[in-house]
Amino acid sequence: MEKTKFELDVPERLGALKVLSGVKGNVADMRILHEAMTVLGIPESEYKEFAITVDKKTGMIEWTNNHEVTIELGPRAVVILQNALKKLDDAGDLLPDFPLSLFDKFDVE
């Protein structure tokens, strides 16, 4: 199974995680989803690189540095994310701070 590479920055990764956190499905999809969320997450090694901090009062994540990193996702994970993005758009639940570039990068119309 070949994985697809995506160049995603911090806001895009956090946006994808937020969308995926609301996905429901069967056991097989949830295993794929958990793996995708691990890949999209910000590992400890990147906290310093991106100067990431978390406000203890609000829980807001902030960063000073931002650049794209290569993220690899399997075909089913891509479909799950595409469907979740489409559902969010169709429901009119997008907020102004959501990284709309995810729709372009994941070919969601």
Protein backbone atom coordinates (compact mmCIF):
# COMPACT_ATOMS: atom_id res chain seq x y z
CA MET A 1 0.00 0.00 0.00
CA GLU A 2 1.61 3.21 -1.17
CA LYS A 3 1.36 6.29 1.01
CA THR A 4 0.80 9.80 -0.29
CA LYS A 5 3.11 12.61 0.79
CA PHE A 6 1.70 15.95 1.87
CA GLU A 7 3.58 19.12 2.79
CA LEU A 8 1.73 20.50 5.82
CA ASP A 9 2.53 23.33 8.21
CA VAL A 10 1.57 23.58 11.88
CA PRO A 11 -1.90 25.16 11.40
CA GLU A 12 -2.77 22.61 8.71
CA ARG A 13 -1.71 19.70 10.90
CA LEU A 14 -3.68 21.03 13.86
CA GLY A 15 -6.69 21.67 11.61
CA ALA A 16 -6.55 18.13 10.25
CA LEU A 17 -6.35 16.76 13.79
CA LYS A 18 -9.35 18.83 14.84
CA VAL A 19 -11.42 17.56 11.91
CA LEU A 20 -10.38 13.94 12.46
CA SER A 21 -11.15 14.08 16.18
CA GLY A 22 -14.86 14.13 15.33
CA VAL A 23 -14.83 11.18 12.94
CA LYS A 24 -16.82 8.08 13.81
CA GLY A 25 -16.46 4.71 12.14
CA ASN A 26 -15.74 1.03 12.40
CA VAL A 27 -12.79 -0.63 14.13
CA ALA A 28 -10.67 -0.82 10.99
CA ASP A 29 -11.17 2.86 10.20
CA MET A 30 -10.48 3.85 13.81
CA ARG A 31 -7.13 2.04 13.72
CA ILE A 32 -6.24 3.85 10.51
CA LEU A 33 -7.49 7.10 12.01
CA HIS A 34 -5.38 6.71 15.16
CA GLU A 35 -2.29 6.07 13.06
CA ALA A 36 -3.02 9.13 10.90
CA MET A 37 -3.53 11.31 13.96
CA THR A 38 -0.20 10.17 15.35
CA VAL A 39 1.53 11.09 12.08
CA LEU A 40 -0.23 14.48 11.92
CA GLY A 41 0.48 15.29 15.55
CA ILE A 42 3.35 17.44 16.73
CA PRO A 43 6.02 15.16 18.23
CA GLU A 44 8.13 16.33 21.14
CA SER A 45 11.12 16.81 18.84
CA GLU A 46 9.22 19.52 16.94
CA TYR A 47 8.14 21.52 19.99
CA LYS A 48 11.52 23.25 20.12
CA GLU A 49 11.88 23.50 16.33
CA PHE A 50 8.54 25.33 15.99
CA ALA A 51 8.83 27.09 19.38
CA ILE A 52 5.48 25.64 20.40
CA THR A 53 3.89 26.61 23.69
CA VAL A 54 0.54 25.79 25.22
CA ASP A 55 -1.27 28.40 27.29
CA LYS A 56 -2.10 26.63 30.54
CA LYS A 57 -5.23 28.71 31.16
CA THR A 58 -6.83 28.54 27.72
CA GLY A 59 -5.22 25.43 26.23
CA MET A 60 -4.41 27.43 23.09
CA ILE A 61 -1.40 26.21 21.12
CA GLU A 62 0.97 28.90 19.89
CA TRP A 63 4.10 28.71 17.75
CA THR A 64 6.73 31.14 16.59
CA ASN A 65 8.34 29.19 13.76
CA ASN A 66 6.33 27.60 11.01
CA HIS A 67 7.28 25.65 7.94
CA GLU A 68 5.94 22.66 6.08
CA VAL A 69 7.01 19.13 6.90
CA THR A 70 6.37 16.00 4.88
CA ILE A 71 3.53 13.88 6.23
CA GLU A 72 2.76 10.47 4.71
CA LEU A 73 -0.76 9.06 4.86
CA GLY A 74 -2.18 5.84 3.49
CA PRO A 75 -5.02 5.85 0.96
CA ARG A 76 -7.79 5.08 3.45
CA ALA A 77 -6.56 7.79 5.85
CA VAL A 78 -6.66 10.28 2.97
CA VAL A 79 -10.26 9.29 2.14
CA ILE A 80 -11.29 9.58 5.79
CA LEU A 81 -9.81 13.09 5.99
CA GLN A 82 -11.34 14.13 2.66
CA ASN A 83 -14.77 12.93 3.81
CA ALA A 84 -14.41 14.72 7.15
CA LEU A 85 -13.43 17.97 5.43
CA LYS A 86 -16.35 17.67 2.99
CA LYS A 87 -18.77 16.99 5.85
CA LEU A 88 -17.48 20.04 7.75
CA ASP A 89 -17.93 22.23 4.66
CA ASP A 90 -21.36 20.83 3.77
CA ALA A 91 -22.57 21.48 7.33
CA GLY A 92 -21.33 25.07 7.19
CA ASP A 93 -19.27 24.49 10.33
CA LEU A 94 -16.03 26.13 9.17
CA LEU A 95 -14.64 28.89 11.36
CA PRO A 96 -12.54 31.85 10.13
CA ASP A 97 -9.31 30.50 11.62
CA PHE A 98 -9.57 27.11 9.90
CA PRO A 99 -6.73 26.45 7.41
CA LEU A 100 -8.65 26.38 4.12
CA SER A 101 -5.48 25.22 2.36
CA LEU A 102 -6.34 21.69 3.58
CA PHE A 103 -9.17 21.60 1.04
CA ASP A 104 -6.69 22.28 -1.76
CA LYS A 105 -3.99 19.92 -0.51
CA PHE A 106 -6.45 17.05 -0.09
CA ASP A 107 -8.38 17.79 -3.30
CA VAL A 108 -11.72 18.47 -1.60
CA GLU A 109 -14.20 20.53 -3.59
